[in-house]
Amino acid sequence: MNTVSTLLIFVGLFLLGGAISFWKQQLPRGVVVLLGVCAVLALAAGILRLE
């Protein structure tokens, strides 16, 4: 596991936590969806770089 994959996974989890927090605060759906998509992309990139 290298530094870049670890960083991408960390950023993905951070963004996912932000999306959940924004959802609970009833912020606009577009912001929540954008954060969720970014979180999924960062997590996927980090997981794919593990191989």
N, C-alpha and C. Protein backbone atom coordinates (compact mmCIF):
# COMPACT_ATOMS: atom_id res chain seq x y z
N MET A 1 0.86 -1.18 0.00
CA MET A 1 0.00 0.00 0.00
C MET A 1 0.90 1.23 0.00
N ASN A 2 0.77 2.04 -1.01
CA ASN A 2 1.66 3.20 -1.12
C ASN A 2 0.96 4.47 -0.63
N THR A 3 1.68 5.55 -0.65
CA THR A 3 1.20 6.81 -0.09
C THR A 3 0.02 7.39 -0.86
N VAL A 4 0.08 7.30 -2.19
CA VAL A 4 -0.98 7.90 -3.01
C VAL A 4 -2.31 7.18 -2.79
N SER A 5 -2.28 5.86 -2.74
CA SER A 5 -3.54 5.13 -2.53
C SER A 5 -4.10 5.42 -1.13
N THR A 6 -3.23 5.50 -0.15
CA THR A 6 -3.67 5.83 1.21
C THR A 6 -4.30 7.21 1.25
N LEU A 7 -3.67 8.16 0.59
CA LEU A 7 -4.18 9.53 0.56
C LEU A 7 -5.55 9.59 -0.14
N LEU A 8 -5.69 8.90 -1.26
CA LEU A 8 -6.97 8.90 -1.97
C LEU A 8 -8.08 8.27 -1.15
N ILE A 9 -7.78 7.19 -0.46
CA ILE A 9 -8.79 6.55 0.39
C ILE A 9 -9.18 7.48 1.54
N PHE A 10 -8.19 8.13 2.14
CA PHE A 10 -8.47 9.07 3.23
C PHE A 10 -9.34 10.23 2.76
N VAL A 11 -9.01 10.80 1.60
CA VAL A 11 -9.80 11.91 1.06
C VAL A 11 -11.22 11.45 0.73
N GLY A 12 -11.35 10.25 0.18
CA GLY A 12 -12.68 9.72 -0.12
C GLY A 12 -13.53 9.56 1.12
N LEU A 13 -12.94 9.04 2.19
CA LEU A 13 -13.69 8.89 3.44
C LEU A 13 -14.04 10.24 4.05
N PHE A 14 -13.12 11.20 3.93
CA PHE A 14 -13.38 12.54 4.44
C PHE A 14 -14.56 13.18 3.69
N LEU A 15 -14.57 13.07 2.37
CA LEU A 15 -15.66 13.63 1.57
C LEU A 15 -16.98 12.91 1.85
N LEU A 16 -16.91 11.62 2.06
CA LEU A 16 -18.12 10.86 2.39
C LEU A 16 -18.71 11.33 3.72
N GLY A 17 -17.85 11.57 4.69
CA GLY A 17 -18.31 12.11 5.97
C GLY A 17 -18.93 13.49 5.82
N GLY A 18 -18.34 14.31 4.94
CA GLY A 18 -18.91 15.63 4.68
C GLY A 18 -20.27 15.54 4.01
N ALA A 19 -20.42 14.60 3.08
CA ALA A 19 -21.71 14.43 2.41
C ALA A 19 -22.78 14.00 3.40
N ILE A 20 -22.43 13.10 4.30
CA ILE A 20 -23.40 12.65 5.32
C ILE A 20 -23.75 13.80 6.25
N SER A 21 -22.75 14.58 6.64
CA SER A 21 -22.99 15.73 7.50
C SER A 21 -23.90 16.75 6.82
N PHE A 22 -23.61 17.05 5.55
CA PHE A 22 -24.44 18.00 4.82
C PHE A 22 -25.86 17.48 4.64
N TRP A 23 -26.02 16.18 4.45
CA TRP A 23 -27.36 15.59 4.31
C TRP A 23 -28.16 15.80 5.60
N LYS A 24 -27.49 15.60 6.75
CA LYS A 24 -28.17 15.77 8.03
C LYS A 24 -28.53 17.23 8.29
N GLN A 25 -27.75 18.17 7.73
CA GLN A 25 -28.03 19.59 7.90
C GLN A 25 -29.05 20.11 6.90
N GLN A 26 -29.55 19.23 6.03
CA GLN A 26 -30.58 19.57 5.05
C GLN A 26 -30.09 20.62 4.05
N LEU A 27 -28.81 20.53 3.65
CA LEU A 27 -28.27 21.42 2.63
C LEU A 27 -28.82 21.01 1.26
N PRO A 28 -28.66 21.84 0.25
CA PRO A 28 -29.20 21.51 -1.08
C PRO A 28 -28.70 20.16 -1.59
N ARG A 29 -29.59 19.46 -2.26
CA ARG A 29 -29.30 18.11 -2.72
C ARG A 29 -28.14 18.08 -3.70
N GLY A 30 -27.98 19.12 -4.50
CA GLY A 30 -26.89 19.16 -5.47
C GLY A 30 -25.52 19.12 -4.81
N VAL A 31 -25.38 19.82 -3.69
CA VAL A 31 -24.11 19.83 -2.96
C VAL A 31 -23.82 18.45 -2.40
N VAL A 32 -24.83 17.82 -1.84
CA VAL A 32 -24.66 16.49 -1.25
C VAL A 32 -24.30 15.47 -2.33
N VAL A 33 -24.98 15.54 -3.47
CA VAL A 33 -24.70 14.61 -4.56
C VAL A 33 -23.29 14.82 -5.10
N LEU A 34 -22.89 16.08 -5.25
CA LEU A 34 -21.54 16.36 -5.75
C LEU A 34 -20.47 15.81 -4.80
N LEU A 35 -20.65 16.02 -3.51
CA LEU A 35 -19.69 15.48 -2.54
C LEU A 35 -19.69 13.96 -2.56
N GLY A 36 -20.87 13.37 -2.70
CA GLY A 36 -20.95 11.91 -2.75
C GLY A 36 -20.25 11.34 -3.96
N VAL A 37 -20.43 11.96 -5.11
CA VAL A 37 -19.78 11.50 -6.33
C VAL A 37 -18.27 11.63 -6.21
N CYS A 38 -17.82 12.76 -5.67
CA CYS A 38 -16.38 12.96 -5.49
C CYS A 38 -15.81 11.93 -4.51
N ALA A 39 -16.55 11.61 -3.47
CA ALA A 39 -16.09 10.62 -2.50
C ALA A 39 -15.97 9.25 -3.14
N VAL A 40 -16.95 8.87 -3.94
CA VAL A 40 -16.91 7.56 -4.60
C VAL A 40 -15.74 7.49 -5.58
N LEU A 41 -15.52 8.56 -6.33
CA LEU A 41 -14.41 8.57 -7.28
C LEU A 41 -13.06 8.48 -6.58
N ALA A 42 -12.90 9.21 -5.49
CA ALA A 42 -11.63 9.16 -4.76
C ALA A 42 -11.40 7.79 -4.14
N LEU A 43 -12.45 7.20 -3.57
CA LEU A 43 -12.32 5.86 -3.00
C LEU A 43 -12.00 4.83 -4.08
N ALA A 44 -12.68 4.93 -5.20
CA ALA A 44 -12.43 3.97 -6.29
C ALA A 44 -10.99 4.10 -6.80
N ALA A 45 -10.53 5.33 -6.96
CA ALA A 45 -9.15 5.54 -7.44
C ALA A 45 -8.15 4.99 -6.44
N GLY A 46 -8.39 5.20 -5.15
CA GLY A 46 -7.49 4.67 -4.14
C GLY A 46 -7.47 3.16 -4.09
N ILE A 47 -8.64 2.55 -4.23
CA ILE A 47 -8.72 1.09 -4.21
C ILE A 47 -8.07 0.49 -5.46
N LEU A 48 -8.30 1.12 -6.61
CA LEU A 48 -7.70 0.61 -7.84
C LEU A 48 -6.17 0.75 -7.84
N ARG A 49 -5.65 1.75 -7.14
CA ARG A 49 -4.20 1.91 -7.08
C ARG A 49 -3.55 0.93 -6.12
N LEU A 50 -4.34 0.20 -5.33
CA LEU A 50 -3.76 -0.79 -4.43
C LEU A 50 -3.17 -1.96 -5.20
N GLU A 51 -3.71 -2.24 -6.36
CA GLU A 51 -3.24 -3.42 -7.13
C GLU A 51 -1.96 -3.19 -7.85
